[in-house]
Structures are given as structure tokens and as C-alpha cells.
Amino acid sequence: MLISLRHLTAGVALLFLLHPGSSISQQSKPRPKATFELQALAPEFWKLIDRDARLETMGTDFGFTEGPVWDPTGFLIVSDERKNAIYRLHPDGHREQLITLGDPDGNTYDSQHRIIDCASVLRAIIRLSPDGKIYDILADHYEGQKLNSPNDVTYGPDGALYFTDPTLDLVRGEKQEIPFQGVYRLDAKGNVTLLTKDLEQPNGLAFSADGRYLYIDDSAQKNIRRYRFHSNGTLSDGIIFGDEKVEGASGVPDGMKVDKQGNLYVTGPRGIWVWNPDGKHIGTIVLPEQPANLTWGGPNYSTLFLTAGSSVYILPTKVQGFLSYPLKAVKP
């Protein structure tokens, strides 16, 4: 059943305490900044990124950046989990606050080009109004129990929304009602269907460009799973696609995206790990700050926008990225 509650939120700060095991507490502790570097582990890496590619800073002085989504009109949607807000960030660094919201996380667009957000404190999937100032709750329960803390969301080939629900950002003092961390499908009628509960802490997720597979990473196990996706919205044949365990490293698989050639770009220790379609780690984009998420954008969707710590970075590539949501609004 669709819950349609509209909330006036301008200027309203939501105060909360994060669960000690949250993704922010794990990833945003101050660390010395690294140096940008392109580390190729296979020659094919250089077919994706130029050896002389330069990393640029699009914006900084955020609290903790997450959930980047590129708008074709020329700006980036960015969540700030520490400052509890969602922004429009423009190429010149100018930013506009859209909404005040406790611990916003992953974002995507729906078919009508409305922002869909994982609202961790609300323990809900929400949809922002066109002006970004108010929201509707699309889902906050599964079989009568409150969701944990939705983390990332993507638009599926069938027009449904797919999201992960770990306990990484469960607010301290609040009860976990669902006894597992699931991955769900949310259809246009508001029905929430469990797809799998075999991940310990499911986090980022992305569909392959051909719609055959859904990739989901597990931040606790530090690996990437691949599932076969079926036209009826179900998953099967889950396998471990890649492993990002590095002794002593703090970065974990979090946000992910794919390009149109089938390569997978996943946050991991020190930066973005690039995997080819066969599950081979072919290189790493080392960033000045530990990344949490990324997206494609720019005029031809060949630019990576990387949310990392207090900043948003830009890196040009040689390939075109894949985004599963329609790039223009579709009439219902």
C-alpha cells in the first residue's frame, strides 16, 4: 500500500545519533589525504581511462558526501549525511540546498524524473517533490515491520525501484524490527517484495546495461555479488563476483556503477576498484579521500562524479556510463 505523507521540512533540522556501526562512523574519521593515482593491474584499464586523466574538485567543505545523481540540465544531486541535507551542486562549485533531512543516503530518479532518496533516519524510501522541498514516503515497512535503514536505491529495467536495507545507519536507541538485512523491490503500487536476505550488510547496487544482472555489494563481507535478474522482478543464481578484502584497509564496497561495456566501478580501499565483466580487478582509481559513491554524468555520460569524504571529484573517462533510469521524464 502506498503511503503518501507530505512533510514540510524547510529549515527543520533532524537531530539524531548514529548507530556505532554506521557507515559514517566507519568511513568518515579524519585521515591524511592520499594522492590521486591511476593504478592499472591489466592493460585493458587504459582503454577505459586515459593515462593523463586529471582529477578535479567540483565541490568541497561538505560533511560526508553520498548519493550523487547527475541531472541532464547540468548539475549534480548530492546527499550530505553529516549536514543532514540534499543539495544541487553546479560545475562551478555553487550549491543550493534542496531539503533538510536526517542522514540522506543513496539517490536515483524515477521515471518522471523525481528524486528518490534512502532516508536513513526515517527508515524509509522517499520521493521528493519537483522543487525538492517536500517528500512523500513510498515505503517504510516490510510485512508490518519497520525497515532498518535504507542505504542505496536504483531504478530497474521493469520500472520498479530496487533498494538495500542494512543496519549500517540504524539510529542508536531504535529497535531493529526485521531480523535480517534485505534487498527489496518496490513497485509502483507501493508493494515491497523481499528479493534476498543472504547478504550480511547489503549496500550499493547496480543493474548491468543489458538488464540481465543485478550487482549488490556486501560491506561487511567486503565482496560483490552478482544475481541473474528475471523479467518478473526476481533474482536467482547469486555468486560472489569480486572480493575487496585488503588487510588493514578501512574502505569497503559501497556505491557502484557500470559502463556500457559491462565494466563495474565499485568503491573500495583507497578509491574506486574497476572490475571487468568477467570479475577481474583491472585497476584502481586512488582518490585523495575515501569514496562512498559515484555516478556518471556530463554531456555524453563519460565523466565520473565521485563523492568522497567532504568533497565531490570529477574524472573524465574514455567510455560511456550506464544509468538505469530514464534520462528524461516519461509521462505516466
C-alpha atoms as a PDB file:
ATOM      1  CA  MET A   1       0.000   0.000   0.000  1.00  0.00           C
ATOM      2  CA  LEU A   2       1.413   3.411  -0.961  1.00  0.00           C
ATOM      3  CA  ILE A   3       1.903   5.741   1.972  1.00  0.00           C
ATOM      4  CA  SER A   4       1.560   9.316   0.749  1.00  0.00           C
ATOM      5  CA  LEU A   5       2.512  11.659   3.577  1.00  0.00           C
ATOM      6  CA  ARG A   6       3.737  15.111   2.720  1.00  0.00           C
ATOM      7  CA  HIS A   7       6.087  16.816   5.128  1.00  0.00           C
ATOM      8  CA  LEU A   8       7.117  20.453   5.253  1.00  0.00           C
ATOM      9  CA  THR A   9      10.807  20.302   6.078  1.00  0.00           C
ATOM     10  CA  ALA A  10      12.374  23.638   5.125  1.00  0.00           C
ATOM     11  CA  GLY A  11      14.614  24.774   7.938  1.00  0.00           C
ATOM     12  CA  VAL A  12      13.817  21.819  10.158  1.00  0.00           C
ATOM     13  CA  ALA A  13      16.948  20.089  11.447  1.00  0.00           C
ATOM     14  CA  LEU A  14      16.615  16.448  12.449  1.00  0.00           C
ATOM     15  CA  LEU A  15      18.899  15.655  15.362  1.00  0.00           C
ATOM     16  CA  PHE A  16      19.998  12.068  15.740  1.00  0.00           C
ATOM     17  CA  LEU A  17      22.708   9.775  16.982  1.00  0.00           C
ATOM     18  CA  LEU A  18      24.160   7.228  14.612  1.00  0.00           C
ATOM     19  CA  HIS A  19      24.439   3.588  15.499  1.00  0.00           C
ATOM     20  CA  PRO A  20      28.107   2.864  16.374  1.00  0.00           C
ATOM     21  CA  GLY A  21      28.319   0.522  13.379  1.00  0.00           C
ATOM     22  CA  SER A  22      27.072   3.045  10.844  1.00  0.00           C
ATOM     23  CA  SER A  23      28.724   3.670   7.526  1.00  0.00           C
ATOM     24  CA  ILE A  24      29.649   7.226   8.524  1.00  0.00           C
ATOM     25  CA  SER A  25      31.360   6.168  11.730  1.00  0.00           C
ATOM     26  CA  GLN A  26      33.314   3.563   9.768  1.00  0.00           C
ATOM     27  CA  GLN A  27      34.371   5.682   6.809  1.00  0.00           C
ATOM     28  CA  SER A  28      34.499   9.372   7.761  1.00  0.00           C
ATOM     29  CA  LYS A  29      37.131   9.508  10.509  1.00  0.00           C
ATOM     30  CA  PRO A  30      39.763  12.108   9.606  1.00  0.00           C
ATOM     31  CA  ARG A  31      42.683  10.580   7.714  1.00  0.00           C
ATOM     32  CA  PRO A  32      45.632  12.085   5.887  1.00  0.00           C
ATOM     33  CA  LYS A  33      44.661  12.773   2.286  1.00  0.00           C
ATOM     34  CA  ALA A  34      46.143  10.413  -0.272  1.00  0.00           C
ATOM     35  CA  THR A  35      47.425  11.431  -3.687  1.00  0.00           C
ATOM     36  CA  PHE A  36      45.351  10.844  -6.806  1.00  0.00           C
ATOM     37  CA  GLU A  37      46.761   7.953  -8.794  1.00  0.00           C
ATOM     38  CA  LEU A  38      45.672   5.611 -11.562  1.00  0.00           C
ATOM     39  CA  GLN A  39      46.857   2.078 -10.773  1.00  0.00           C
ATOM     40  CA  ALA A  40      46.491  -0.308 -13.708  1.00  0.00           C
ATOM     41  CA  LEU A  41      46.501  -4.021 -12.941  1.00  0.00           C
ATOM     42  CA  ALA A  42      45.825  -5.003 -16.556  1.00  0.00           C
ATOM     43  CA  PRO A  43      46.410  -3.226 -19.906  1.00  0.00           C
ATOM     44  CA  GLU A  44      42.660  -3.024 -20.557  1.00  0.00           C
ATOM     45  CA  PHE A  45      42.369  -0.451 -17.752  1.00  0.00           C
ATOM     46  CA  TRP A  46      43.927   2.143 -20.076  1.00  0.00           C
ATOM     47  CA  LYS A  47      41.144   1.557 -22.607  1.00  0.00           C
ATOM     48  CA  LEU A  48      38.747   2.996 -20.032  1.00  0.00           C
ATOM     49  CA  ILE A  49      40.746   5.891 -18.581  1.00  0.00           C
ATOM     50  CA  ASP A  50      43.464   7.973 -20.193  1.00  0.00           C
ATOM     51  CA  ARG A  51      46.901   7.715 -18.603  1.00  0.00           C
ATOM     52  CA  ASP A  52      47.000  11.510 -18.338  1.00  0.00           C
ATOM     53  CA  ALA A  53      43.466  11.943 -16.988  1.00  0.00           C
ATOM     54  CA  ARG A  54      43.265  14.624 -14.325  1.00  0.00           C
ATOM     55  CA  LEU A  55      41.110  14.595 -11.220  1.00  0.00           C
ATOM     56  CA  GLU A  56      39.272  17.847 -10.499  1.00  0.00           C
ATOM     57  CA  THR A  57      37.414  19.018  -7.402  1.00  0.00           C
ATOM     58  CA  MET A  58      33.824  20.021  -8.089  1.00  0.00           C
ATOM     59  CA  GLY A  59      32.933  20.925  -4.516  1.00  0.00           C
ATOM     60  CA  THR A  60      34.320  20.632  -1.005  1.00  0.00           C
ATOM     61  CA  ASP A  61      33.620  21.606   2.620  1.00  0.00           C
ATOM     62  CA  PHE A  62      30.731  19.181   2.855  1.00  0.00           C
ATOM     63  CA  GLY A  63      30.302  16.959   5.900  1.00  0.00           C
ATOM     64  CA  PHE A  64      30.113  13.492   4.293  1.00  0.00           C
ATOM     65  CA  THR A  65      29.067  13.230   0.643  1.00  0.00           C
ATOM     66  CA  GLU A  66      26.888  10.437  -0.739  1.00  0.00           C
ATOM     67  CA  GLY A  67      24.201   9.622  -3.288  1.00  0.00           C
ATOM     68  CA  PRO A  68      25.393  11.515  -6.401  1.00  0.00           C
ATOM     69  CA  VAL A  69      22.928  11.728  -9.300  1.00  0.00           C
ATOM     70  CA  TRP A  70      23.597  13.751 -12.455  1.00  0.00           C
ATOM     71  CA  ASP A  71      20.816  15.867 -13.903  1.00  0.00           C
ATOM     72  CA  PRO A  72      20.964  16.320 -17.710  1.00  0.00           C
ATOM     73  CA  THR A  73      20.378  20.059 -17.307  1.00  0.00           C
ATOM     74  CA  GLY A  74      23.873  20.298 -15.830  1.00  0.00           C
ATOM     75  CA  PHE A  75      24.035  19.818 -12.075  1.00  0.00           C
ATOM     76  CA  LEU A  76      24.633  17.058  -9.544  1.00  0.00           C
ATOM     77  CA  ILE A  77      22.350  15.935  -6.732  1.00  0.00           C
ATOM     78  CA  VAL A  78      24.425  15.213  -3.596  1.00  0.00           C
ATOM     79  CA  SER A  79      23.442  13.935  -0.146  1.00  0.00           C
ATOM     80  CA  ASP A  80      25.339  15.202   2.886  1.00  0.00           C
ATOM     81  CA  GLU A  81      24.963  12.682   5.681  1.00  0.00           C
ATOM     82  CA  ARG A  82      26.601  14.884   8.308  1.00  0.00           C
ATOM     83  CA  LYS A  83      24.883  18.175   7.480  1.00  0.00           C
ATOM     84  CA  ASN A  84      21.574  16.336   7.003  1.00  0.00           C
ATOM     85  CA  ALA A  85      20.669  17.867   3.658  1.00  0.00           C
ATOM     86  CA  ILE A  86      20.392  17.195  -0.074  1.00  0.00           C
ATOM     87  CA  TYR A  87      21.971  19.730  -2.442  1.00  0.00           C
ATOM     88  CA  ARG A  88      22.189  20.710  -6.076  1.00  0.00           C
ATOM     89  CA  LEU A  89      25.886  21.097  -6.858  1.00  0.00           C
ATOM     90  CA  HIS A  90      26.817  23.009 -10.014  1.00  0.00           C
ATOM     91  CA  PRO A  91      30.038  22.596 -12.051  1.00  0.00           C
ATOM     92  CA  ASP A  92      31.390  25.928 -10.753  1.00  0.00           C
ATOM     93  CA  GLY A  93      31.071  24.696  -7.169  1.00  0.00           C
ATOM     94  CA  HIS A  94      27.931  26.669  -6.364  1.00  0.00           C
ATOM     95  CA  ARG A  95      25.448  24.670  -4.313  1.00  0.00           C
ATOM     96  CA  GLU A  96      21.775  25.035  -3.438  1.00  0.00           C
ATOM     97  CA  GLN A  97      20.186  23.232  -0.508  1.00  0.00           C
ATOM     98  CA  LEU A  98      17.010  21.433  -1.506  1.00  0.00           C
ATOM     99  CA  ILE A  99      15.818  19.853   1.720  1.00  0.00           C
ATOM    100  CA  THR A 100      16.817  19.265   5.338  1.00  0.00           C
ATOM    101  CA  LEU A 101      16.650  15.564   6.054  1.00  0.00           C
ATOM    102  CA  GLY A 102      18.220  13.328   8.697  1.00  0.00           C
ATOM    103  CA  ASP A 103      21.063  11.282   7.166  1.00  0.00           C
ATOM    104  CA  PRO A 104      20.034  11.146   3.482  1.00  0.00           C
ATOM    105  CA  ASP A 105      21.936   8.444   1.612  1.00  0.00           C
ATOM    106  CA  GLY A 106      21.674   6.920  -1.888  1.00  0.00           C
ATOM    107  CA  ASN A 107      19.558   8.592  -4.583  1.00  0.00           C
ATOM    108  CA  THR A 108      18.172   7.886  -8.028  1.00  0.00           C
ATOM    109  CA  TYR A 109      15.492   9.277 -10.346  1.00  0.00           C
ATOM    110  CA  ASP A 110      12.165   7.649 -11.068  1.00  0.00           C
ATOM    111  CA  SER A 111      10.501   7.532 -14.498  1.00  0.00           C
ATOM    112  CA  GLN A 112       9.062  11.028 -14.019  1.00  0.00           C
ATOM    113  CA  HIS A 113      12.451  12.470 -13.096  1.00  0.00           C
ATOM    114  CA  ARG A 114      11.693  12.858  -9.394  1.00  0.00           C
ATOM    115  CA  ILE A 115      14.440  12.252  -6.853  1.00  0.00           C
ATOM    116  CA  ILE A 116      14.137   9.016  -4.877  1.00  0.00           C
ATOM    117  CA  ASP A 117      16.164   9.006  -1.651  1.00  0.00           C
ATOM    118  CA  CYS A 118      17.110   6.486   1.018  1.00  0.00           C
ATOM    119  CA  ALA A 119      16.199   8.384   4.176  1.00  0.00           C
ATOM    120  CA  SER A 120      18.115   6.556   6.890  1.00  0.00           C
ATOM    121  CA  VAL A 121      16.644   8.329   9.925  1.00  0.00           C
ATOM    122  CA  LEU A 122      13.097   7.967   8.614  1.00  0.00           C
ATOM    123  CA  ARG A 123      13.940   4.323   7.829  1.00  0.00           C
ATOM    124  CA  ALA A 124      12.167   4.860   4.526  1.00  0.00           C
ATOM    125  CA  ILE A 125      12.348   5.242   0.761  1.00  0.00           C
ATOM    126  CA  ILE A 126      11.067   8.705  -0.056  1.00  0.00           C
ATOM    127  CA  ARG A 127      10.260  10.706  -3.195  1.00  0.00           C
ATOM    128  CA  LEU A 128      10.996  14.424  -3.351  1.00  0.00           C
ATOM    129  CA  SER A 129       8.627  16.902  -4.966  1.00  0.00           C
ATOM    130  CA  PRO A 130       9.814  18.501  -8.239  1.00  0.00           C
ATOM    131  CA  ASP A 131      11.172  21.512  -6.331  1.00  0.00           C
ATOM    132  CA  GLY A 132      12.883  19.221  -3.809  1.00  0.00           C
ATOM    133  CA  LYS A 133      11.317  20.885  -0.761  1.00  0.00           C
ATOM    134  CA  ILE A 134       8.858  18.254   0.489  1.00  0.00           C
ATOM    135  CA  TYR A 135       8.598  14.494   0.260  1.00  0.00           C
ATOM    136  CA  ASP A 136       6.292  11.505   0.183  1.00  0.00           C
ATOM    137  CA  ILE A 137       7.099   8.261   1.962  1.00  0.00           C
ATOM    138  CA  LEU A 138       6.928   5.453  -0.591  1.00  0.00           C
ATOM    139  CA  ALA A 139       7.857   2.595   1.760  1.00  0.00           C
ATOM    140  CA  ASP A 140       8.945   2.290   5.371  1.00  0.00           C
ATOM    141  CA  HIS A 141       7.715  -1.189   6.331  1.00  0.00           C
ATOM    142  CA  TYR A 142       8.028  -4.766   5.169  1.00  0.00           C
ATOM    143  CA  GLU A 143       5.261  -7.151   6.313  1.00  0.00           C
ATOM    144  CA  GLY A 144       4.289  -4.773   9.099  1.00  0.00           C
ATOM    145  CA  GLN A 145       7.816  -4.261  10.434  1.00  0.00           C
ATOM    146  CA  LYS A 146       9.855  -1.076  10.078  1.00  0.00           C
ATOM    147  CA  LEU A 147      12.718  -1.146   7.620  1.00  0.00           C
ATOM    148  CA  ASN A 148      16.236  -0.996   9.065  1.00  0.00           C
ATOM    149  CA  SER A 149      17.979   1.957   7.381  1.00  0.00           C
ATOM    150  CA  PRO A 150      17.664   2.005   3.575  1.00  0.00           C
ATOM    151  CA  ASN A 151      21.072   2.690   2.053  1.00  0.00           C
ATOM    152  CA  ASP A 152      21.045   2.680  -1.740  1.00  0.00           C
ATOM    153  CA  VAL A 153      18.409   2.568  -4.457  1.00  0.00           C
ATOM    154  CA  THR A 154      18.317   2.052  -8.220  1.00  0.00           C
ATOM    155  CA  TYR A 155      15.713   2.063 -10.960  1.00  0.00           C
ATOM    156  CA  GLY A 156      15.151  -1.352 -12.517  1.00  0.00           C
ATOM    157  CA  PRO A 157      14.618  -2.485 -16.130  1.00  0.00           C
ATOM    158  CA  ASP A 158      10.984  -3.192 -15.249  1.00  0.00           C
ATOM    159  CA  GLY A 159      10.322   0.302 -13.880  1.00  0.00           C
ATOM    160  CA  ALA A 160      10.346  -0.780 -10.236  1.00  0.00           C
ATOM    161  CA  LEU A 161      12.742   0.534  -7.585  1.00  0.00           C
ATOM    162  CA  TYR A 162      15.302  -1.771  -6.006  1.00  0.00           C
ATOM    163  CA  PHE A 163      16.918  -0.935  -2.671  1.00  0.00           C
ATOM    164  CA  THR A 164      19.175  -2.297   0.059  1.00  0.00           C
ATOM    165  CA  ASP A 165      18.270  -2.208   3.744  1.00  0.00           C
ATOM    166  CA  PRO A 166      21.258  -2.862   6.027  1.00  0.00           C
ATOM    167  CA  THR A 167      21.554  -1.784   9.666  1.00  0.00           C
ATOM    168  CA  LEU A 168      24.588   0.409   8.935  1.00  0.00           C
ATOM    169  CA  ASP A 169      22.768   3.661   9.758  1.00  0.00           C
ATOM    170  CA  LEU A 170      20.162   2.417  12.203  1.00  0.00           C
ATOM    171  CA  VAL A 171      19.699   5.208  14.730  1.00  0.00           C
ATOM    172  CA  ARG A 172      21.062   4.453  18.177  1.00  0.00           C
ATOM    173  CA  GLY A 173      18.291   3.506  20.553  1.00  0.00           C
ATOM    174  CA  GLU A 174      15.867   2.416  17.840  1.00  0.00           C
ATOM    175  CA  LYS A 175      14.863  -1.229  17.607  1.00  0.00           C
ATOM    176  CA  GLN A 176      15.702  -3.418  14.640  1.00  0.00           C
ATOM    177  CA  GLU A 177      12.348  -4.993  13.785  1.00  0.00           C
ATOM    178  CA  ILE A 178      13.243  -7.030  10.693  1.00  0.00           C
ATOM    179  CA  PRO A 179      15.625  -9.820  11.811  1.00  0.00           C
ATOM    180  CA  PHE A 180      17.803  -9.648   8.682  1.00  0.00           C
ATOM    181  CA  GLN A 181      19.311  -7.179   6.219  1.00  0.00           C
ATOM    182  CA  GLY A 182      17.455  -7.482   2.943  1.00  0.00           C
ATOM    183  CA  VAL A 183      17.358  -6.348  -0.662  1.00  0.00           C
ATOM    184  CA  TYR A 184      13.893  -5.345  -1.868  1.00  0.00           C
ATOM    185  CA  ARG A 185      11.772  -4.473  -4.889  1.00  0.00           C
ATOM    186  CA  LEU A 186       9.299  -1.583  -4.594  1.00  0.00           C
ATOM    187  CA  ASP A 187       6.674  -1.422  -7.340  1.00  0.00           C
ATOM    188  CA  ALA A 188       4.527   1.496  -8.493  1.00  0.00           C
ATOM    189  CA  LYS A 189       1.658   0.389  -6.243  1.00  0.00           C
ATOM    190  CA  GLY A 190       3.820   0.531  -3.127  1.00  0.00           C
ATOM    191  CA  ASN A 191       4.261  -3.224  -2.757  1.00  0.00           C
ATOM    192  CA  VAL A 192       7.568  -4.183  -1.104  1.00  0.00           C
ATOM    193  CA  THR A 193       8.926  -7.613  -2.050  1.00  0.00           C
ATOM    194  CA  LEU A 194      11.965  -9.269  -0.473  1.00  0.00           C
ATOM    195  CA  LEU A 195      14.462 -10.428  -3.111  1.00  0.00           C
ATOM    196  CA  THR A 196      17.256 -11.815  -0.959  1.00  0.00           C
ATOM    197  CA  LYS A 197      18.465 -11.797   2.636  1.00  0.00           C
ATOM    198  CA  ASP A 198      21.713 -13.683   2.104  1.00  0.00           C
ATOM    199  CA  LEU A 199      23.960 -10.614   2.446  1.00  0.00           C
ATOM    200  CA  GLU A 200      25.255  -9.546   5.844  1.00  0.00           C
ATOM    201  CA  GLN A 201      25.199  -5.798   5.145  1.00  0.00           C
ATOM    202  CA  PRO A 202      23.917  -5.109   1.595  1.00  0.00           C
ATOM    203  CA  ASN A 203      24.966  -1.682   0.375  1.00  0.00           C
ATOM    204  CA  GLY A 204      25.414  -0.394  -3.208  1.00  0.00           C
ATOM    205  CA  LEU A 205      23.618  -1.970  -6.142  1.00  0.00           C
ATOM    206  CA  ALA A 206      23.512  -1.541  -9.923  1.00  0.00           C
ATOM    207  CA  PHE A 207      21.983  -3.240 -12.942  1.00  0.00           C
ATOM    208  CA  SER A 208      24.042  -4.339 -15.916  1.00  0.00           C
ATOM    209  CA  ALA A 209      23.420  -2.363 -19.096  1.00  0.00           C
ATOM    210  CA  ASP A 210      21.648  -5.312 -20.746  1.00  0.00           C
ATOM    211  CA  GLY A 211      19.395  -5.838 -17.707  1.00  0.00           C
ATOM    212  CA  ARG A 212      20.500  -9.428 -17.231  1.00  0.00           C
ATOM    213  CA  TYR A 213      22.227  -8.987 -13.873  1.00  0.00           C
ATOM    214  CA  LEU A 214      21.878  -7.111 -10.612  1.00  0.00           C
ATOM    215  CA  TYR A 215      25.123  -6.447  -8.746  1.00  0.00           C
ATOM    216  CA  ILE A 216      24.969  -5.902  -4.973  1.00  0.00           C
ATOM    217  CA  ASP A 217      27.875  -5.400  -2.644  1.00  0.00           C
ATOM    218  CA  ASP A 218      28.196  -6.535   0.965  1.00  0.00           C
ATOM    219  CA  SER A 219      30.105  -4.037   3.111  1.00  0.00           C
ATOM    220  CA  ALA A 220      30.539  -6.498   5.989  1.00  0.00           C
ATOM    221  CA  GLN A 221      31.893  -9.336   3.836  1.00  0.00           C
ATOM    222  CA  LYS A 222      33.716  -6.836   1.568  1.00  0.00           C
ATOM    223  CA  ASN A 223      32.596  -8.581  -1.583  1.00  0.00           C
ATOM    224  CA  ILE A 224      30.393  -8.024  -4.628  1.00  0.00           C
ATOM    225  CA  ARG A 225      27.554 -10.394  -5.503  1.00  0.00           C
ATOM    226  CA  ARG A 226      26.034 -10.901  -8.926  1.00  0.00           C
ATOM    227  CA  TYR A 227      22.485 -12.195  -9.402  1.00  0.00           C
ATOM    228  CA  ARG A 228      20.618 -13.124 -12.545  1.00  0.00           C
ATOM    229  CA  PHE A 229      17.667 -10.746 -12.955  1.00  0.00           C
ATOM    230  CA  HIS A 230      14.365 -12.033 -14.352  1.00  0.00           C
ATOM    231  CA  SER A 231      11.629 -10.087 -16.109  1.00  0.00           C
ATOM    232  CA  ASN A 232       9.183 -10.781 -13.268  1.00  0.00           C
ATOM    233  CA  GLY A 233      11.445  -8.842 -10.884  1.00  0.00           C
ATOM    234  CA  THR A 234      13.038 -11.815  -9.129  1.00  0.00           C
ATOM    235  CA  LEU A 235      16.674 -12.855  -8.655  1.00  0.00           C
ATOM    236  CA  SER A 236      18.456 -16.184  -8.920  1.00  0.00           C
ATOM    237  CA  ASP A 237      21.902 -17.762  -9.279  1.00  0.00           C
ATOM    238  CA  GLY A 238      23.737 -15.482  -6.872  1.00  0.00           C
ATOM    239  CA  ILE A 239      27.533 -15.730  -6.988  1.00  0.00           C
ATOM    240  CA  ILE A 240      30.460 -13.838  -5.484  1.00  0.00           C
ATOM    241  CA  PHE A 241      31.625 -11.698  -8.381  1.00  0.00           C
ATOM    242  CA  GLY A 242      34.568  -9.981  -6.683  1.00  0.00           C
ATOM    243  CA  ASP A 243      36.324  -9.597  -3.343  1.00  0.00           C
ATOM    244  CA  GLU A 244      37.744  -6.336  -1.968  1.00  0.00           C
ATOM    245  CA  LYS A 245      39.306  -7.525   1.275  1.00  0.00           C
ATOM    246  CA  VAL A 246      42.620  -5.775   1.975  1.00  0.00           C
ATOM    247  CA  GLU A 247      44.405  -6.414   5.269  1.00  0.00           C
ATOM    248  CA  GLY A 248      44.379  -3.291   7.428  1.00  0.00           C
ATOM    249  CA  ALA A 249      42.346  -1.205   4.946  1.00  0.00           C
ATOM    250  CA  SER A 250      39.196   0.582   6.086  1.00  0.00           C
ATOM    251  CA  GLY A 251      37.437   1.215   2.763  1.00  0.00           C
ATOM    252  CA  VAL A 252      34.614  -1.155   1.866  1.00  0.00           C
ATOM    253  CA  PRO A 253      32.424  -1.878  -1.173  1.00  0.00           C
ATOM    254  CA  ASP A 254      29.752   0.815  -1.113  1.00  0.00           C
ATOM    255  CA  GLY A 255      28.411   2.709  -4.142  1.00  0.00           C
ATOM    256  CA  MET A 256      28.785   1.171  -7.602  1.00  0.00           C
ATOM    257  CA  LYS A 257      28.041   1.899 -11.253  1.00  0.00           C
ATOM    258  CA  VAL A 258      28.600   0.108 -14.575  1.00  0.00           C
ATOM    259  CA  ASP A 259      29.654   1.342 -18.012  1.00  0.00           C
ATOM    260  CA  LYS A 260      28.069   0.327 -21.302  1.00  0.00           C
ATOM    261  CA  GLN A 261      30.876  -2.153 -21.949  1.00  0.00           C
ATOM    262  CA  GLY A 262      29.974  -4.103 -18.810  1.00  0.00           C
ATOM    263  CA  ASN A 263      32.792  -2.939 -16.535  1.00  0.00           C
ATOM    264  CA  LEU A 264      31.942  -2.363 -12.883  1.00  0.00           C
ATOM    265  CA  TYR A 265      33.184   0.601 -10.808  1.00  0.00           C
ATOM    266  CA  VAL A 266      32.954  -0.023  -7.066  1.00  0.00           C
ATOM    267  CA  THR A 267      34.183   1.949  -4.069  1.00  0.00           C
ATOM    268  CA  GLY A 268      36.784   0.057  -2.071  1.00  0.00           C
ATOM    269  CA  PRO A 269      40.004   0.501  -0.098  1.00  0.00           C
ATOM    270  CA  ARG A 270      41.738   3.736  -1.183  1.00  0.00           C
ATOM    271  CA  GLY A 271      39.458   4.513  -4.101  1.00  0.00           C
ATOM    272  CA  ILE A 272      37.374   3.101  -6.946  1.00  0.00           C
ATOM    273  CA  TRP A 273      38.072  -0.504  -7.933  1.00  0.00           C
ATOM    274  CA  VAL A 274      37.411  -1.251 -11.611  1.00  0.00           C
ATOM    275  CA  TRP A 275      36.281  -4.784 -12.494  1.00  0.00           C
ATOM    276  CA  ASN A 276      35.861  -6.177 -15.989  1.00  0.00           C
ATOM    277  CA  PRO A 277      32.710  -8.190 -16.900  1.00  0.00           C
ATOM    278  CA  ASP A 278      34.483 -11.448 -16.003  1.00  0.00           C
ATOM    279  CA  GLY A 279      35.110 -10.385 -12.406  1.00  0.00           C
ATOM    280  CA  LYS A 280      38.778  -9.432 -12.814  1.00  0.00           C
ATOM    281  CA  HIS A 281      40.079  -6.434 -10.870  1.00  0.00           C
ATOM    282  CA  ILE A 282      41.825  -4.489 -13.638  1.00  0.00           C
ATOM    283  CA  GLY A 283      42.755  -1.289 -11.815  1.00  0.00           C
ATOM    284  CA  THR A 284      42.104   1.203  -9.035  1.00  0.00           C
ATOM    285  CA  ILE A 285      41.404   4.929  -9.118  1.00  0.00           C
ATOM    286  CA  VAL A 286      43.143   6.135  -5.945  1.00  0.00           C
ATOM    287  CA  LEU A 287      41.451   9.249  -4.549  1.00  0.00           C
ATOM    288  CA  PRO A 288      42.521  11.930  -2.046  1.00  0.00           C
ATOM    289  CA  GLU A 289      39.656  10.898   0.241  1.00  0.00           C
ATOM    290  CA  GLN A 290      37.916   7.569   0.793  1.00  0.00           C
ATOM    291  CA  PRO A 291      34.955   7.438  -1.634  1.00  0.00           C
ATOM    292  CA  ALA A 292      31.445   6.386  -0.687  1.00  0.00           C
ATOM    293  CA  ASN A 293      29.638   6.552  -4.028  1.00  0.00           C
ATOM    294  CA  LEU A 294      29.827   7.611  -7.673  1.00  0.00           C
ATOM    295  CA  THR A 295      27.768   8.240 -10.790  1.00  0.00           C
ATOM    296  CA  TRP A 296      28.094   9.010 -14.486  1.00  0.00           C
ATOM    297  CA  GLY A 297      27.320  12.410 -15.949  1.00  0.00           C
ATOM    298  CA  GLY A 298      28.418  15.183 -18.233  1.00  0.00           C
ATOM    299  CA  PRO A 299      27.285  15.860 -21.825  1.00  0.00           C
ATOM    300  CA  ASN A 300      27.784  12.274 -23.027  1.00  0.00           C
ATOM    301  CA  TYR A 301      27.825  10.467 -19.669  1.00  0.00           C
ATOM    302  CA  SER A 302      31.517   9.650 -19.870  1.00  0.00           C
ATOM    303  CA  THR A 303      32.518  11.596 -16.736  1.00  0.00           C
ATOM    304  CA  LEU A 304      32.659  10.031 -13.275  1.00  0.00           C
ATOM    305  CA  PHE A 305      31.371  12.122 -10.380  1.00  0.00           C
ATOM    306  CA  LEU A 306      32.825  10.769  -7.144  1.00  0.00           C
ATOM    307  CA  THR A 307      31.573  11.528  -3.637  1.00  0.00           C
ATOM    308  CA  ALA A 308      34.454  11.102  -1.183  1.00  0.00           C
ATOM    309  CA  GLY A 309      34.574  12.347   2.388  1.00  0.00           C
ATOM    310  CA  SER A 310      33.997  16.099   2.422  1.00  0.00           C
ATOM    311  CA  SER A 311      34.341  16.533  -1.350  1.00  0.00           C
ATOM    312  CA  VAL A 312      32.990  15.754  -4.797  1.00  0.00           C
ATOM    313  CA  TYR A 313      35.536  14.948  -7.520  1.00  0.00           C
ATOM    314  CA  ILE A 314      35.323  14.719 -11.324  1.00  0.00           C
ATOM    315  CA  LEU A 315      37.252  12.308 -13.547  1.00  0.00           C
ATOM    316  CA  PRO A 316      36.893  12.046 -17.360  1.00  0.00           C
ATOM    317  CA  THR A 317      36.902   8.565 -18.917  1.00  0.00           C
ATOM    318  CA  LYS A 318      37.033   7.037 -22.408  1.00  0.00           C
ATOM    319  CA  VAL A 319      33.786   5.099 -22.030  1.00  0.00           C
ATOM    320  CA  GLN A 320      30.122   5.907 -21.744  1.00  0.00           C
ATOM    321  CA  GLY A 321      28.463   5.116 -18.456  1.00  0.00           C
ATOM    322  CA  PHE A 322      25.152   3.349 -17.974  1.00  0.00           C
ATOM    323  CA  LEU A 323      22.358   4.778 -15.840  1.00  0.00           C
ATOM    324  CA  SER A 324      19.290   2.604 -15.418  1.00  0.00           C
ATOM    325  CA  TYR A 325      16.737   5.389 -15.001  1.00  0.00           C
ATOM    326  CA  PRO A 326      15.231   7.311 -17.971  1.00  0.00           C
ATOM    327  CA  LEU A 327      17.259  10.427 -18.735  1.00  0.00           C
ATOM    328  CA  LYS A 328      14.054  12.382 -19.455  1.00  0.00           C
ATOM    329  CA  ALA A 329      10.719  12.355 -17.692  1.00  0.00           C
ATOM    330  CA  VAL A 330       8.227   9.831 -19.020  1.00  0.00           C
ATOM    331  CA  LYS A 331       4.513  10.642 -18.828  1.00  0.00           C
ATOM    332  CA  PRO A 332       2.715   8.203 -16.507  1.00  0.00           C
END
